[in-house]
Amino acid sequence: MKQETKQGETVLAVRRGPVLVLTLNRPDRLNAWNDELERRYFALLDEAEADPGVRAIVVTGAGRGFCAGADMADLQRIGADEIDSVERPRPRTFPMTVRKPLIAAINGAAAGLGLVEALYCDIRFATPTAKLTTAFVRRGLIAEYGMAWLLPRLVGISTALDLLMSGRVVTGEEARALGLVDRVVEPDALLDAAVDYATELATLCSPESMRIIKEQVRAALDSEFADAVAEADRLMVESFRHPDAAEGVASYLANRPPAFRPLAPR
């Protein structure tokens, strides 16, 4: 994958070993989301999927914010009829289909659609003072882009309703206590901490195992326990036949890092 360093791009891409760092890059707008940023972000995720050298992805924001949500200037220029008619090459939920680990490093404000994008990631790191808010209700909107499905599964029904109906701001510290983020790290160490975690996944964990586990967890959310166990039994038999299982055992016995295969192309 080509490393991107042009500051004019809406998303920057830089490789750090097996980890691709994507930086939302509209700092003058707190990285507010627009169609150009979405197209580039999704295209870079696509490239990362196809690149065997990329085994994990970290997403963060330039400047003081992660993503302040949809660009309000853009929203003012379009009406409801135009919103209804927009055709997207990929759905907004596209990041949830990425097979590789996707980690958010929330360095500042994550509001509305910005919070949604953070929740589409598998793991979330945040600074103690990062400000997270659903925001929708304070703009006369509803729980958009699957937020009504995601939030209760992360924080429980009543807390989800609190966050959605009040639109209040929570800091990174409170977000950790609620289960909205997974790790809280000081600002000057945030990105390195997220990259270090991603590097550990990339170097020690089977890409195929992580891909399957992501699918298992999502599928199990809407299945009966017995069905989840039966599916795990089926997948376990398949995993024993995969070369990664033999490599995992061999590397353990030899006391060396594993050399797992990259994901097969889609």
Protein backbone atom coordinates (compact mmCIF):
# COMPACT_ATOMS: atom_id res chain seq x y z
CA MET A 1 0.00 0.00 0.00
CA LYS A 2 1.25 3.46 -0.88
CA GLN A 3 1.90 5.65 2.14
CA GLU A 4 0.04 8.95 1.97
CA THR A 5 1.62 12.09 3.37
CA LYS A 6 -0.08 14.87 1.42
CA GLN A 7 -1.59 17.22 3.95
CA GLY A 8 -4.32 18.26 1.50
CA GLU A 9 -5.88 14.80 1.56
CA THR A 10 -9.00 14.29 3.67
CA VAL A 11 -7.54 11.09 5.11
CA LEU A 12 -3.82 10.38 5.55
CA ALA A 13 -2.44 6.84 5.39
CA VAL A 14 0.89 5.86 6.97
CA ARG A 15 2.28 2.38 7.52
CA ARG A 16 3.85 1.52 10.87
CA GLY A 17 5.09 -2.00 10.30
CA PRO A 18 2.08 -4.31 9.84
CA VAL A 19 -0.28 -1.56 11.04
CA LEU A 20 -1.91 1.04 8.79
CA VAL A 21 -2.67 4.34 10.53
CA LEU A 22 -5.50 6.32 8.94
CA THR A 23 -5.87 9.92 10.08
CA LEU A 24 -9.04 11.86 9.33
CA ASN A 25 -7.53 15.11 8.10
CA ARG A 26 -9.86 18.10 8.20
CA PRO A 27 -8.51 19.62 11.42
CA ASP A 28 -9.90 23.09 10.71
CA ARG A 29 -13.39 21.48 10.84
CA LEU A 30 -12.59 19.07 13.70
CA ASN A 31 -12.50 16.41 10.95
CA ALA A 32 -16.19 16.84 10.21
CA TRP A 33 -17.47 14.11 7.89
CA ASN A 34 -18.27 14.85 4.27
CA ASP A 35 -18.64 12.77 1.11
CA GLU A 36 -15.04 13.33 0.01
CA LEU A 37 -13.67 12.14 3.36
CA GLU A 38 -16.01 9.13 3.32
CA ARG A 39 -14.97 8.09 -0.17
CA ARG A 40 -11.27 8.28 0.66
CA TYR A 41 -11.62 6.57 4.06
CA PHE A 42 -13.61 3.69 2.60
CA ALA A 43 -11.22 3.38 -0.36
CA LEU A 44 -8.26 3.17 2.01
CA LEU A 45 -10.04 0.50 4.05
CA ASP A 46 -10.58 -1.41 0.81
CA GLU A 47 -6.88 -1.15 -0.06
CA ALA A 48 -5.94 -2.30 3.44
CA GLU A 49 -8.20 -5.34 3.03
CA ALA A 50 -6.38 -6.28 -0.18
CA ASP A 51 -2.86 -5.67 1.15
CA PRO A 52 -1.40 -8.81 2.81
CA GLY A 53 1.18 -6.65 4.56
CA VAL A 54 -1.51 -4.78 6.50
CA ARG A 55 -2.75 -6.87 9.39
CA ALA A 56 -4.43 -4.22 11.57
CA ILE A 57 -5.75 -0.68 11.13
CA VAL A 58 -5.79 2.28 13.54
CA VAL A 59 -8.07 5.26 12.89
CA THR A 60 -7.53 8.65 14.52
CA GLY A 61 -8.08 12.35 13.86
CA ALA A 62 -5.77 15.24 13.02
CA GLY A 63 -5.56 18.16 15.40
CA ARG A 64 -7.89 18.51 18.39
CA GLY A 65 -10.71 16.17 17.35
CA PHE A 66 -11.49 12.66 16.19
CA CYS A 67 -14.57 13.58 14.14
CA ALA A 68 -17.14 16.24 15.01
CA GLY A 69 -19.85 14.48 13.01
CA ALA A 70 -21.44 15.38 9.71
CA ASP A 71 -20.24 18.66 8.26
CA MET A 72 -23.04 21.09 9.19
CA ALA A 73 -22.15 23.40 6.30
CA ASP A 74 -22.86 20.55 3.89
CA LEU A 75 -26.12 19.69 5.63
CA GLN A 76 -27.31 23.28 5.33
CA ARG A 77 -26.81 23.19 1.57
CA ILE A 78 -28.92 20.09 0.94
CA GLY A 79 -32.54 19.26 1.62
CA ALA A 80 -34.22 16.05 2.71
CA ASP A 81 -35.13 15.11 -0.88
CA GLU A 82 -31.47 15.31 -1.91
CA ILE A 83 -30.40 13.21 1.09
CA ASP A 84 -32.92 10.54 0.10
CA SER A 85 -31.58 10.45 -3.46
CA VAL A 86 -27.88 10.08 -2.59
CA GLU A 87 -26.46 6.85 -3.98
CA ARG A 88 -23.49 5.51 -2.06
CA PRO A 89 -21.07 2.99 -3.59
CA ARG A 90 -20.71 1.48 -0.11
CA PRO A 91 -23.14 1.65 2.84
CA ARG A 92 -22.22 3.81 5.83
CA THR A 93 -21.77 0.59 7.81
CA PHE A 94 -18.94 -0.50 5.48
CA PRO A 95 -16.21 -0.32 8.18
CA MET A 96 -18.01 -3.08 10.10
CA THR A 97 -17.37 -5.43 7.16
CA VAL A 98 -13.58 -4.99 7.32
CA ARG A 99 -12.10 -8.38 8.17
CA LYS A 100 -8.95 -7.06 9.86
CA PRO A 101 -8.85 -5.51 13.35
CA LEU A 102 -10.00 -1.89 13.27
CA ILE A 103 -9.01 0.23 16.27
CA ALA A 104 -10.13 3.79 17.00
CA ALA A 105 -7.77 6.21 18.75
CA ILE A 106 -10.20 8.90 19.88
CA ASN A 107 -8.04 11.96 20.43
CA GLY A 108 -10.79 14.55 20.94
CA ALA A 109 -14.40 15.25 20.02
CA ALA A 110 -16.38 12.32 18.60
CA ALA A 111 -19.91 13.50 17.98
CA GLY A 112 -22.90 12.18 16.06
CA LEU A 113 -21.63 10.42 12.95
CA GLY A 114 -18.10 10.73 14.36
CA LEU A 115 -19.12 8.64 17.37
CA VAL A 116 -20.86 6.18 15.05
CA GLU A 117 -17.62 5.71 13.11
CA ALA A 118 -15.74 5.09 16.36
CA LEU A 119 -18.34 2.49 17.35
CA TYR A 120 -17.96 0.77 13.97
CA CYS A 121 -14.39 -0.02 15.06
CA ASP A 122 -13.66 -3.20 17.00
CA ILE A 123 -11.73 -1.58 19.87
CA ARG A 124 -11.66 2.02 21.11
CA PHE A 125 -8.85 3.91 22.83
CA ALA A 126 -9.52 7.45 24.06
CA THR A 127 -7.87 10.26 25.99
CA PRO A 128 -9.26 11.09 29.46
CA THR A 129 -10.66 14.40 28.19
CA ALA A 130 -12.00 13.23 24.82
CA LYS A 131 -15.61 14.34 24.43
CA LEU A 132 -18.13 11.83 23.10
CA THR A 133 -21.76 12.57 22.32
CA THR A 134 -24.53 11.06 20.24
CA ALA A 135 -25.72 14.65 19.53
CA PHE A 136 -28.58 13.58 17.21
CA VAL A 137 -31.45 14.57 19.47
CA ARG A 138 -30.03 18.08 19.86
CA ARG A 139 -30.19 18.51 16.08
CA GLY A 140 -33.76 17.27 15.78
CA LEU A 141 -32.56 13.91 14.44
CA ILE A 142 -32.92 10.26 15.47
CA ALA A 143 -30.44 7.50 16.39
CA GLU A 144 -28.78 7.27 13.00
CA TYR A 145 -26.71 4.60 11.20
CA GLY A 146 -27.46 1.69 13.51
CA MET A 147 -26.71 3.54 16.76
CA ALA A 148 -29.91 2.15 18.32
CA TRP A 149 -28.54 -1.36 17.71
CA LEU A 150 -24.94 -0.68 18.68
CA LEU A 151 -25.25 1.33 21.88
CA PRO A 152 -27.48 -1.02 23.95
CA ARG A 153 -25.12 -3.89 23.18
CA LEU A 154 -22.18 -1.88 24.46
CA VAL A 155 -23.60 -0.06 27.48
CA GLY A 156 -27.06 -1.53 28.20
CA ILE A 157 -30.54 -0.27 27.40
CA SER A 158 -31.02 2.47 30.01
CA THR A 159 -27.55 3.96 29.51
CA ALA A 160 -28.05 3.87 25.74
CA LEU A 161 -31.34 5.71 26.16
CA ASP A 162 -29.65 8.23 28.44
CA LEU A 163 -26.92 8.94 25.89
CA LEU A 164 -29.35 9.05 22.96
CA MET A 165 -32.22 10.99 24.54
CA SER A 166 -30.08 13.57 26.33
CA GLY A 167 -27.33 13.97 23.75
CA ARG A 168 -25.09 14.84 26.68
CA VAL A 169 -21.30 14.88 26.44
CA VAL A 170 -19.26 12.23 28.25
CA THR A 171 -15.51 12.41 28.69
CA GLY A 172 -13.14 9.58 27.92
CA GLU A 173 -13.00 8.65 31.60
CA GLU A 174 -16.79 8.32 31.91
CA ALA A 175 -16.96 6.58 28.54
CA ARG A 176 -14.54 3.95 29.87
CA ALA A 177 -16.67 3.44 32.97
CA LEU A 178 -19.77 3.03 30.78
CA GLY A 179 -18.09 0.58 28.42
CA LEU A 180 -18.21 2.98 25.49
CA VAL A 181 -14.43 2.89 25.11
CA ASP A 182 -11.99 0.15 26.11
CA ARG A 183 -8.78 1.95 27.11
CA VAL A 184 -8.04 5.47 28.36
CA VAL A 185 -4.57 6.81 27.55
CA GLU A 186 -2.95 10.22 28.02
CA PRO A 187 -2.98 12.34 24.84
CA ASP A 188 0.75 12.19 24.12
CA ALA A 189 0.71 8.38 24.32
CA LEU A 190 -2.65 7.65 22.68
CA LEU A 191 -1.63 6.88 19.12
CA ASP A 192 1.44 4.87 20.14
CA ALA A 193 -0.67 2.84 22.57
CA ALA A 194 -3.22 2.05 19.88
CA VAL A 195 -0.51 1.17 17.36
CA ASP A 196 1.32 -1.01 19.92
CA TYR A 197 -1.90 -2.91 20.61
CA ALA A 198 -2.59 -3.27 16.88
CA THR A 199 0.99 -4.46 16.32
CA GLU A 200 0.55 -7.15 18.97
CA LEU A 201 -2.56 -8.40 17.17
CA ALA A 202 -0.74 -8.22 13.85
CA THR A 203 2.30 -10.18 14.97
CA LEU A 204 0.95 -12.70 17.48
CA CYS A 205 -2.60 -13.48 16.35
CA SER A 206 -3.86 -15.43 13.36
CA PRO A 207 -5.56 -13.14 10.81
CA GLU A 208 -7.93 -15.95 9.91
CA SER A 209 -8.82 -16.57 13.55
CA MET A 210 -9.49 -12.86 14.15
CA ARG A 211 -11.63 -12.67 11.02
CA ILE A 212 -13.76 -15.61 12.15
CA ILE A 213 -14.02 -14.36 15.73
CA LYS A 214 -15.32 -10.99 14.52
CA GLU A 215 -18.00 -12.78 12.52
CA GLN A 216 -18.81 -15.10 15.43
CA VAL A 217 -19.32 -12.27 17.91
CA ARG A 218 -21.60 -10.28 15.60
CA ALA A 219 -23.65 -13.36 14.66
CA ALA A 220 -23.95 -14.51 18.28
CA LEU A 221 -25.52 -11.21 19.33
CA ASP A 222 -28.74 -12.30 17.66
CA SER A 223 -28.60 -16.05 18.20
CA GLU A 224 -29.54 -18.49 20.92
CA PHE A 225 -26.72 -19.79 23.14
CA ALA A 226 -27.13 -23.35 21.91
CA ASP A 227 -26.88 -22.15 18.31
CA ALA A 228 -23.72 -20.18 19.11
CA VAL A 229 -22.17 -23.26 20.73
CA ALA A 230 -23.09 -25.44 17.76
CA GLU A 231 -21.58 -22.93 15.35
CA ALA A 232 -18.41 -22.74 17.46
CA ASP A 233 -18.13 -26.53 17.37
CA ARG A 234 -18.42 -26.50 13.58
CA LEU A 235 -15.84 -23.72 13.22
CA MET A 236 -13.48 -25.42 15.68
CA VAL A 237 -13.31 -28.51 13.48
CA GLU A 238 -12.57 -26.31 10.46
CA SER A 239 -9.87 -24.41 12.35
CA PHE A 240 -8.00 -27.61 13.18
CA ARG A 241 -7.64 -28.19 9.44
CA HIS A 242 -6.29 -24.69 8.76
CA PRO A 243 -2.47 -24.29 8.52
CA ASP A 244 -2.57 -21.60 11.22
CA ALA A 245 -3.50 -24.19 13.84
CA ALA A 246 -0.36 -26.22 13.12
CA GLU A 247 1.74 -23.06 13.05
CA GLY A 248 0.27 -21.86 16.34
CA VAL A 249 1.27 -25.09 18.07
CA ALA A 250 4.67 -25.29 16.38
CA SER A 251 5.61 -21.71 17.27
CA TYR A 252 4.57 -22.24 20.88
CA LEU A 253 6.64 -25.41 21.22
CA ALA A 254 9.63 -23.72 19.56
CA ASN A 255 9.20 -20.60 21.72
CA ARG A 256 9.22 -18.30 18.68
CA PRO A 257 6.79 -15.77 17.20
CA PRO A 258 4.18 -17.36 14.93
CA ALA A 259 4.33 -16.92 11.15
CA PHE A 260 0.64 -16.92 10.37
CA ARG A 261 -0.60 -16.60 6.80
CA PRO A 262 -2.23 -13.36 5.62
CA LEU A 263 -5.94 -13.39 4.91
CA ALA A 264 -6.97 -14.84 1.60
CA PRO A 265 -8.42 -12.25 -0.82
CA ARG A 266 -12.16 -11.73 -0.64
